[in-house]
Every structure is written in C-alpha cells, then in structure tokens.
Amino acid sequence: MVKPLPRLRLQGFNNLTKALSFNIYDVCYARTEEERQRYIEYIDEEYNADRLTQILTDVAEIIGANILNVARQDY
C-alpha cells in the first residue's frame, strides 16, 4: 500500500479566478457587393487585434485589474 503524501499548507494563495469578457456588435446591411466589401474593410481596420487589445487594456486600467496574458488573432 502506498503511503499518502502529507498535505501542503498554501499561504498567500488565491484560487478564485476572475475573468472579463465583452461583446462588440457592429451591424450593417449592404445592398451591393461594393458596400459589402467596404464594410468588411472597415471592420478589419476598426476591430483588429491591436485595437481590441488596447480596449481591453484600457478597461483593465479603469477597473484596477492586472492583465496576466494576452493572446491575439487577426482573422
């Protein structure tokens, strides 16, 4: 029989996880292919990974949060 290890005492350890999430909606009805293409270009520029990271950073600063990790992806 294997003898169990003694329990470790954790000090200064916070096992609560806090997450911040937000949704940004931008809706447009494009009547022509040209309008559709212009809207896609606008969305690509307005909501790219760098801009969304900056928005998150600004919100974190406002609420006094610390950002531990940022993963970004441009689609």
PDB file of N, CA and C in Angstrom:
ATOM      1  N   MET A   1       0.842  -1.176   0.000  1.00  0.00           N
ATOM      2  CA  MET A   1       0.000   0.000   0.000  1.00  0.00           C
ATOM      3  C   MET A   1       0.890   1.243   0.000  1.00  0.00           C
ATOM      4  N   VAL A   2       0.529   2.231  -0.838  1.00  0.00           N
ATOM      5  CA  VAL A   2       1.300   3.469  -0.954  1.00  0.00           C
ATOM      6  C   VAL A   2       0.849   4.436   0.124  1.00  0.00           C
ATOM      7  N   LYS A   3       1.822   5.005   0.815  1.00  0.00           N
ATOM      8  CA  LYS A   3       1.525   5.955   1.883  1.00  0.00           C
ATOM      9  C   LYS A   3       1.249   7.333   1.269  1.00  0.00           C
ATOM     10  N   PRO A   4       0.125   7.992   1.596  1.00  0.00           N
ATOM     11  CA  PRO A   4      -0.182   9.301   1.011  1.00  0.00           C
ATOM     12  C   PRO A   4       0.793  10.366   1.494  1.00  0.00           C
ATOM     13  N   LEU A   5       1.038  11.337   0.632  1.00  0.00           N
ATOM     14  CA  LEU A   5       1.921  12.451   0.981  1.00  0.00           C
ATOM     15  C   LEU A   5       1.218  13.371   1.971  1.00  0.00           C
ATOM     16  N   PRO A   6       1.988  14.027   2.836  1.00  0.00           N
ATOM     17  CA  PRO A   6       1.358  14.972   3.760  1.00  0.00           C
ATOM     18  C   PRO A   6       0.793  16.168   2.981  1.00  0.00           C
ATOM     19  N   ARG A   7      -0.248  16.761   3.517  1.00  0.00           N
ATOM     20  CA  ARG A   7      -0.875  17.910   2.859  1.00  0.00           C
ATOM     21  C   ARG A   7       0.037  19.121   2.924  1.00  0.00           C
ATOM     22  N   LEU A   8       0.019  19.893   1.850  1.00  0.00           N
ATOM     23  CA  LEU A   8       0.786  21.134   1.801  1.00  0.00           C
ATOM     24  C   LEU A   8      -0.087  22.272   2.297  1.00  0.00           C
ATOM     25  N   ARG A   9       0.506  23.161   3.042  1.00  0.00           N
ATOM     26  CA  ARG A   9      -0.220  24.337   3.506  1.00  0.00           C
ATOM     27  C   ARG A   9       0.094  25.493   2.561  1.00  0.00           C
ATOM     28  N   LEU A  10      -0.932  26.043   1.931  1.00  0.00           N
ATOM     29  CA  LEU A  10      -0.752  27.132   0.983  1.00  0.00           C
ATOM     30  C   LEU A  10      -0.949  28.453   1.689  1.00  0.00           C
ATOM     31  N   GLN A  11      -0.017  29.368   1.482  1.00  0.00           N
ATOM     32  CA  GLN A  11      -0.113  30.700   2.075  1.00  0.00           C
ATOM     33  C   GLN A  11      -0.090  31.731   0.961  1.00  0.00           C
ATOM     34  N   GLY A  12      -0.941  32.730   1.079  1.00  0.00           N
ATOM     35  CA  GLY A  12      -0.998  33.767   0.065  1.00  0.00           C
ATOM     36  C   GLY A  12      -1.493  33.260  -1.271  1.00  0.00           C
ATOM     37  N   PHE A  13      -2.278  32.214  -1.267  1.00  0.00           N
ATOM     38  CA  PHE A  13      -2.761  31.593  -2.494  1.00  0.00           C
ATOM     39  C   PHE A  13      -4.231  31.914  -2.673  1.00  0.00           C
ATOM     40  N   ASN A  14      -4.573  32.434  -3.832  1.00  0.00           N
ATOM     41  CA  ASN A  14      -5.968  32.752  -4.129  1.00  0.00           C
ATOM     42  C   ASN A  14      -6.409  31.861  -5.282  1.00  0.00           C
ATOM     43  N   ASN A  15      -7.303  30.939  -5.003  1.00  0.00           N
ATOM     44  CA  ASN A  15      -7.739  30.022  -6.047  1.00  0.00           C
ATOM     45  C   ASN A  15      -8.989  30.512  -6.779  1.00  0.00           C
ATOM     46  N   LEU A  16      -9.367  31.767  -6.575  1.00  0.00           N
ATOM     47  CA  LEU A  16     -10.514  32.315  -7.292  1.00  0.00           C
ATOM     48  C   LEU A  16     -10.040  32.917  -8.613  1.00  0.00           C
ATOM     49  N   THR A  17     -10.715  32.573  -9.658  1.00  0.00           N
ATOM     50  CA  THR A  17     -10.375  33.103 -10.974  1.00  0.00           C
ATOM     51  C   THR A  17     -11.408  34.134 -11.370  1.00  0.00           C
ATOM     52  N   LYS A  18     -10.934  35.260 -11.847  1.00  0.00           N
ATOM     53  CA  LYS A  18     -11.836  36.301 -12.309  1.00  0.00           C
ATOM     54  C   LYS A  18     -11.569  36.521 -13.790  1.00  0.00           C
ATOM     55  N   ALA A  19     -12.624  36.657 -14.544  1.00  0.00           N
ATOM     56  CA  ALA A  19     -12.478  36.856 -15.985  1.00  0.00           C
ATOM     57  C   ALA A  19     -13.314  38.045 -16.423  1.00  0.00           C
ATOM     58  N   LEU A  20     -12.833  38.730 -17.422  1.00  0.00           N
ATOM     59  CA  LEU A  20     -13.547  39.854 -18.009  1.00  0.00           C
ATOM     60  C   LEU A  20     -13.828  39.502 -19.460  1.00  0.00           C
ATOM     61  N   SER A  21     -15.067  39.618 -19.851  1.00  0.00           N
ATOM     62  CA  SER A  21     -15.400  39.397 -21.257  1.00  0.00           C
ATOM     63  C   SER A  21     -16.351  40.491 -21.708  1.00  0.00           C
ATOM     64  N   PHE A  22     -16.305  40.785 -22.964  1.00  0.00           N
ATOM     65  CA  PHE A  22     -17.204  41.788 -23.509  1.00  0.00           C
ATOM     66  C   PHE A  22     -17.493  41.457 -24.963  1.00  0.00           C
ATOM     67  N   ASN A  23     -18.628  41.929 -25.432  1.00  0.00           N
ATOM     68  CA  ASN A  23     -19.045  41.725 -26.812  1.00  0.00           C
ATOM     69  C   ASN A  23     -19.189  43.076 -27.485  1.00  0.00           C
ATOM     70  N   ILE A  24     -18.745  43.160 -28.713  1.00  0.00           N
ATOM     71  CA  ILE A  24     -18.894  44.374 -29.507  1.00  0.00           C
ATOM     72  C   ILE A  24     -19.675  43.993 -30.761  1.00  0.00           C
ATOM     73  N   TYR A  25     -20.795  44.659 -30.961  1.00  0.00           N
ATOM     74  CA  TYR A  25     -21.626  44.390 -32.128  1.00  0.00           C
ATOM     75  C   TYR A  25     -21.595  45.585 -33.067  1.00  0.00           C
ATOM     76  N   ASP A  26     -21.445  45.323 -34.331  1.00  0.00           N
ATOM     77  CA  ASP A  26     -21.496  46.356 -35.366  1.00  0.00           C
ATOM     78  C   ASP A  26     -22.249  45.729 -36.531  1.00  0.00           C
ATOM     79  N   VAL A  27     -23.465  46.174 -36.763  1.00  0.00           N
ATOM     80  CA  VAL A  27     -24.339  45.553 -37.756  1.00  0.00           C
ATOM     81  C   VAL A  27     -24.551  46.517 -38.917  1.00  0.00           C
ATOM     82  N   CYS A  28     -24.510  45.988 -40.112  1.00  0.00           N
ATOM     83  CA  CYS A  28     -24.694  46.808 -41.308  1.00  0.00           C
ATOM     84  C   CYS A  28     -25.424  45.987 -42.362  1.00  0.00           C
ATOM     85  N   TYR A  29     -26.309  46.635 -43.094  1.00  0.00           N
ATOM     86  CA  TYR A  29     -26.977  45.997 -44.223  1.00  0.00           C
ATOM     87  C   TYR A  29     -26.363  46.555 -45.495  1.00  0.00           C
ATOM     88  N   ALA A  30     -25.713  45.711 -46.262  1.00  0.00           N
ATOM     89  CA  ALA A  30     -25.059  46.134 -47.504  1.00  0.00           C
ATOM     90  C   ALA A  30     -25.927  45.718 -48.686  1.00  0.00           C
ATOM     91  N   ARG A  31     -26.258  46.687 -49.512  1.00  0.00           N
ATOM     92  CA  ARG A  31     -27.119  46.408 -50.666  1.00  0.00           C
ATOM     93  C   ARG A  31     -26.341  45.932 -51.883  1.00  0.00           C
ATOM     94  N   THR A  32     -25.096  46.319 -51.982  1.00  0.00           N
ATOM     95  CA  THR A  32     -24.300  45.930 -53.150  1.00  0.00           C
ATOM     96  C   THR A  32     -23.020  45.243 -52.692  1.00  0.00           C
ATOM     97  N   GLU A  33     -22.375  44.600 -53.632  1.00  0.00           N
ATOM     98  CA  GLU A  33     -21.102  43.934 -53.332  1.00  0.00           C
ATOM     99  C   GLU A  33     -20.042  44.963 -52.930  1.00  0.00           C
ATOM    100  N   GLU A  34     -20.087  46.136 -53.542  1.00  0.00           N
ATOM    101  CA  GLU A  34     -19.128  47.189 -53.195  1.00  0.00           C
ATOM    102  C   GLU A  34     -19.328  47.660 -51.751  1.00  0.00           C
ATOM    103  N   GLU A  35     -20.583  47.854 -51.339  1.00  0.00           N
ATOM    104  CA  GLU A  35     -20.863  48.245 -49.946  1.00  0.00           C
ATOM    105  C   GLU A  35     -20.404  47.164 -48.984  1.00  0.00           C
ATOM    106  N   ARG A  36     -20.637  45.920 -49.362  1.00  0.00           N
ATOM    107  CA  ARG A  36     -20.223  44.793 -48.518  1.00  0.00           C
ATOM    108  C   ARG A  36     -18.705  44.796 -48.337  1.00  0.00           C
ATOM    109  N   GLN A  37     -17.982  44.981 -49.427  1.00  0.00           N
ATOM    110  CA  GLN A  37     -16.521  44.981 -49.367  1.00  0.00           C
ATOM    111  C   GLN A  37     -16.003  46.143 -48.526  1.00  0.00           C
ATOM    112  N   ARG A  38     -16.604  47.325 -48.680  1.00  0.00           N
ATOM    113  CA  ARG A  38     -16.187  48.487 -47.887  1.00  0.00           C
ATOM    114  C   ARG A  38     -16.450  48.251 -46.401  1.00  0.00           C
ATOM    115  N   TYR A  39     -17.567  47.599 -46.083  1.00  0.00           N
ATOM    116  CA  TYR A  39     -17.887  47.307 -44.682  1.00  0.00           C
ATOM    117  C   TYR A  39     -16.882  46.312 -44.095  1.00  0.00           C
ATOM    118  N   ILE A  40     -16.528  45.304 -44.856  1.00  0.00           N
ATOM    119  CA  ILE A  40     -15.544  44.320 -44.388  1.00  0.00           C
ATOM    120  C   ILE A  40     -14.202  45.000 -44.124  1.00  0.00           C
ATOM    121  N   GLU A  41     -13.792  45.897 -45.008  1.00  0.00           N
ATOM    122  CA  GLU A  41     -12.542  46.629 -44.799  1.00  0.00           C
ATOM    123  C   GLU A  41     -12.618  47.497 -43.544  1.00  0.00           C
ATOM    124  N   TYR A  42     -13.769  48.128 -43.332  1.00  0.00           N
ATOM    125  CA  TYR A  42     -13.970  48.951 -42.130  1.00  0.00           C
ATOM    126  C   TYR A  42     -13.851  48.097 -40.867  1.00  0.00           C
ATOM    127  N   ILE A  43     -14.518  46.953 -40.844  1.00  0.00           N
ATOM    128  CA  ILE A  43     -14.483  46.058 -39.676  1.00  0.00           C
ATOM    129  C   ILE A  43     -13.056  45.571 -39.427  1.00  0.00           C
ATOM    130  N   ASP A  44     -12.360  45.190 -40.499  1.00  0.00           N
ATOM    131  CA  ASP A  44     -10.978  44.714 -40.351  1.00  0.00           C
ATOM    132  C   ASP A  44     -10.087  45.768 -39.707  1.00  0.00           C
ATOM    133  N   GLU A  45     -10.288  47.023 -40.071  1.00  0.00           N
ATOM    134  CA  GLU A  45      -9.470  48.104 -39.523  1.00  0.00           C
ATOM    135  C   GLU A  45      -9.913  48.492 -38.114  1.00  0.00           C
ATOM    136  N   GLU A  46     -11.213  48.611 -37.924  1.00  0.00           N
ATOM    137  CA  GLU A  46     -11.759  49.112 -36.655  1.00  0.00           C
ATOM    138  C   GLU A  46     -11.598  48.110 -35.513  1.00  0.00           C
ATOM    139  N   TYR A  47     -11.702  46.823 -35.813  1.00  0.00           N
ATOM    140  CA  TYR A  47     -11.686  45.797 -34.766  1.00  0.00           C
ATOM    141  C   TYR A  47     -10.552  44.797 -34.973  1.00  0.00           C
ATOM    142  N   ASN A  48      -9.368  45.280 -35.293  1.00  0.00           N
ATOM    143  CA  ASN A  48      -8.227  44.377 -35.433  1.00  0.00           C
ATOM    144  C   ASN A  48      -7.694  44.005 -34.045  1.00  0.00           C
ATOM    145  N   ALA A  49      -6.784  43.050 -34.002  1.00  0.00           N
ATOM    146  CA  ALA A  49      -6.289  42.529 -32.722  1.00  0.00           C
ATOM    147  C   ALA A  49      -5.624  43.607 -31.873  1.00  0.00           C
ATOM    148  N   ASP A  50      -4.866  44.496 -32.502  1.00  0.00           N
ATOM    149  CA  ASP A  50      -4.197  45.555 -31.733  1.00  0.00           C
ATOM    150  C   ASP A  50      -5.210  46.490 -31.073  1.00  0.00           C
ATOM    151  N   ARG A  51      -6.246  46.857 -31.813  1.00  0.00           N
ATOM    152  CA  ARG A  51      -7.254  47.774 -31.259  1.00  0.00           C
ATOM    153  C   ARG A  51      -8.034  47.105 -30.129  1.00  0.00           C
ATOM    154  N   LEU A  52      -8.415  45.840 -30.309  1.00  0.00           N
ATOM    155  CA  LEU A  52      -9.144  45.135 -29.252  1.00  0.00           C
ATOM    156  C   LEU A  52      -8.270  44.955 -28.013  1.00  0.00           C
ATOM    157  N   THR A  53      -6.975  44.710 -28.208  1.00  0.00           N
ATOM    158  CA  THR A  53      -6.061  44.609 -27.072  1.00  0.00           C
ATOM    159  C   THR A  53      -5.990  45.932 -26.325  1.00  0.00           C
ATOM    160  N   GLN A  54      -5.968  47.031 -27.057  1.00  0.00           N
ATOM    161  CA  GLN A  54      -5.932  48.350 -26.420  1.00  0.00           C
ATOM    162  C   GLN A  54      -7.218  48.622 -25.642  1.00  0.00           C
ATOM    163  N   ILE A  55      -8.367  48.224 -26.202  1.00  0.00           N
ATOM    164  CA  ILE A  55      -9.641  48.390 -25.487  1.00  0.00           C
ATOM    165  C   ILE A  55      -9.608  47.601 -24.185  1.00  0.00           C
ATOM    166  N   LEU A  56      -9.158  46.346 -24.239  1.00  0.00           N
ATOM    167  CA  LEU A  56      -9.059  45.510 -23.039  1.00  0.00           C
ATOM    168  C   LEU A  56      -8.115  46.133 -22.016  1.00  0.00           C
ATOM    169  N   THR A  57      -6.983  46.633 -22.477  1.00  0.00           N
ATOM    170  CA  THR A  57      -6.015  47.262 -21.578  1.00  0.00           C
ATOM    171  C   THR A  57      -6.611  48.489 -20.899  1.00  0.00           C
ATOM    172  N   ASP A  58      -7.331  49.300 -21.661  1.00  0.00           N
ATOM    173  CA  ASP A  58      -7.974  50.491 -21.095  1.00  0.00           C
ATOM    174  C   ASP A  58      -9.018  50.117 -20.047  1.00  0.00           C
ATOM    175  N   VAL A  59      -9.836  49.106 -20.348  1.00  0.00           N
ATOM    176  CA  VAL A  59     -10.864  48.669 -19.395  1.00  0.00           C
ATOM    177  C   VAL A  59     -10.207  48.121 -18.133  1.00  0.00           C
ATOM    178  N   ALA A  60      -9.162  47.314 -18.290  1.00  0.00           N
ATOM    179  CA  ALA A  60      -8.461  46.754 -17.128  1.00  0.00           C
ATOM    180  C   ALA A  60      -7.889  47.862 -16.254  1.00  0.00           C
ATOM    181  N   GLU A  61      -7.355  48.896 -16.876  1.00  0.00           N
ATOM    182  CA  GLU A  61      -6.810  50.020 -16.114  1.00  0.00           C
ATOM    183  C   GLU A  61      -7.915  50.753 -15.355  1.00  0.00           C
ATOM    184  N   ILE A  62      -9.057  50.940 -15.998  1.00  0.00           N
ATOM    185  CA  ILE A  62     -10.179  51.637 -15.359  1.00  0.00           C
ATOM    186  C   ILE A  62     -10.656  50.894 -14.115  1.00  0.00           C
ATOM    187  N   ILE A  63     -10.731  49.556 -14.194  1.00  0.00           N
ATOM    188  CA  ILE A  63     -11.259  48.783 -13.064  1.00  0.00           C
ATOM    189  C   ILE A  63     -10.165  48.310 -12.109  1.00  0.00           C
ATOM    190  N   GLY A  64      -8.921  48.666 -12.378  1.00  0.00           N
ATOM    191  CA  GLY A  64      -7.830  48.299 -11.479  1.00  0.00           C
ATOM    192  C   GLY A  64      -7.422  46.844 -11.561  1.00  0.00           C
ATOM    193  N   ALA A  65      -7.575  46.247 -12.730  1.00  0.00           N
ATOM    194  CA  ALA A  65      -7.234  44.833 -12.905  1.00  0.00           C
ATOM    195  C   ALA A  65      -5.821  44.686 -13.457  1.00  0.00           C
ATOM    196  N   ASN A  66      -5.262  43.512 -13.265  1.00  0.00           N
ATOM    197  CA  ASN A  66      -3.958  43.172 -13.831  1.00  0.00           C
ATOM    198  C   ASN A  66      -4.164  42.172 -14.956  1.00  0.00           C
ATOM    199  N   ILE A  67      -3.576  42.434 -16.103  1.00  0.00           N
ATOM    200  CA  ILE A  67      -3.660  41.506 -17.232  1.00  0.00           C
ATOM    201  C   ILE A  67      -2.495  40.536 -17.123  1.00  0.00           C
ATOM    202  N   LEU A  68      -2.804  39.250 -17.036  1.00  0.00           N
ATOM    203  CA  LEU A  68      -1.767  38.236 -16.894  1.00  0.00           C
ATOM    204  C   LEU A  68      -1.282  37.722 -18.238  1.00  0.00           C
ATOM    205  N   ASN A  69      -2.173  37.682 -19.231  1.00  0.00           N
ATOM    206  CA  ASN A  69      -1.799  37.143 -20.532  1.00  0.00           C
ATOM    207  C   ASN A  69      -2.733  37.701 -21.592  1.00  0.00           C
ATOM    208  N   VAL A  70      -2.190  37.967 -22.761  1.00  0.00           N
ATOM    209  CA  VAL A  70      -2.995  38.400 -23.900  1.00  0.00           C
ATOM    210  C   VAL A  70      -2.655  37.499 -25.077  1.00  0.00           C
ATOM    211  N   ALA A  71      -3.661  36.862 -25.634  1.00  0.00           N
ATOM    212  CA  ALA A  71      -3.498  36.086 -26.862  1.00  0.00           C
ATOM    213  C   ALA A  71      -4.301  36.802 -27.937  1.00  0.00           C
ATOM    214  N   ARG A  72      -3.692  37.053 -29.075  1.00  0.00           N
ATOM    215  CA  ARG A  72      -4.406  37.789 -30.116  1.00  0.00           C
ATOM    216  C   ARG A  72      -4.350  37.061 -31.446  1.00  0.00           C
ATOM    217  N   GLN A  73      -5.390  37.293 -32.230  1.00  0.00           N
ATOM    218  CA  GLN A  73      -5.503  36.652 -33.535  1.00  0.00           C
ATOM    219  C   GLN A  73      -6.270  37.579 -34.458  1.00  0.00           C
ATOM    220  N   ASP A  74      -5.683  37.949 -35.574  1.00  0.00           N
ATOM    221  CA  ASP A  74      -6.402  38.685 -36.613  1.00  0.00           C
ATOM    222  C   ASP A  74      -7.004  37.661 -37.564  1.00  0.00           C
ATOM    223  N   TYR A  75      -8.281  37.800 -37.871  1.00  0.00           N
ATOM    224  CA  TYR A  75      -8.955  36.849 -38.766  1.00  0.00           C
ATOM    225  C   TYR A  75      -9.101  37.420 -40.140  1.00  0.00           C
TER     226      TYR A  75
END
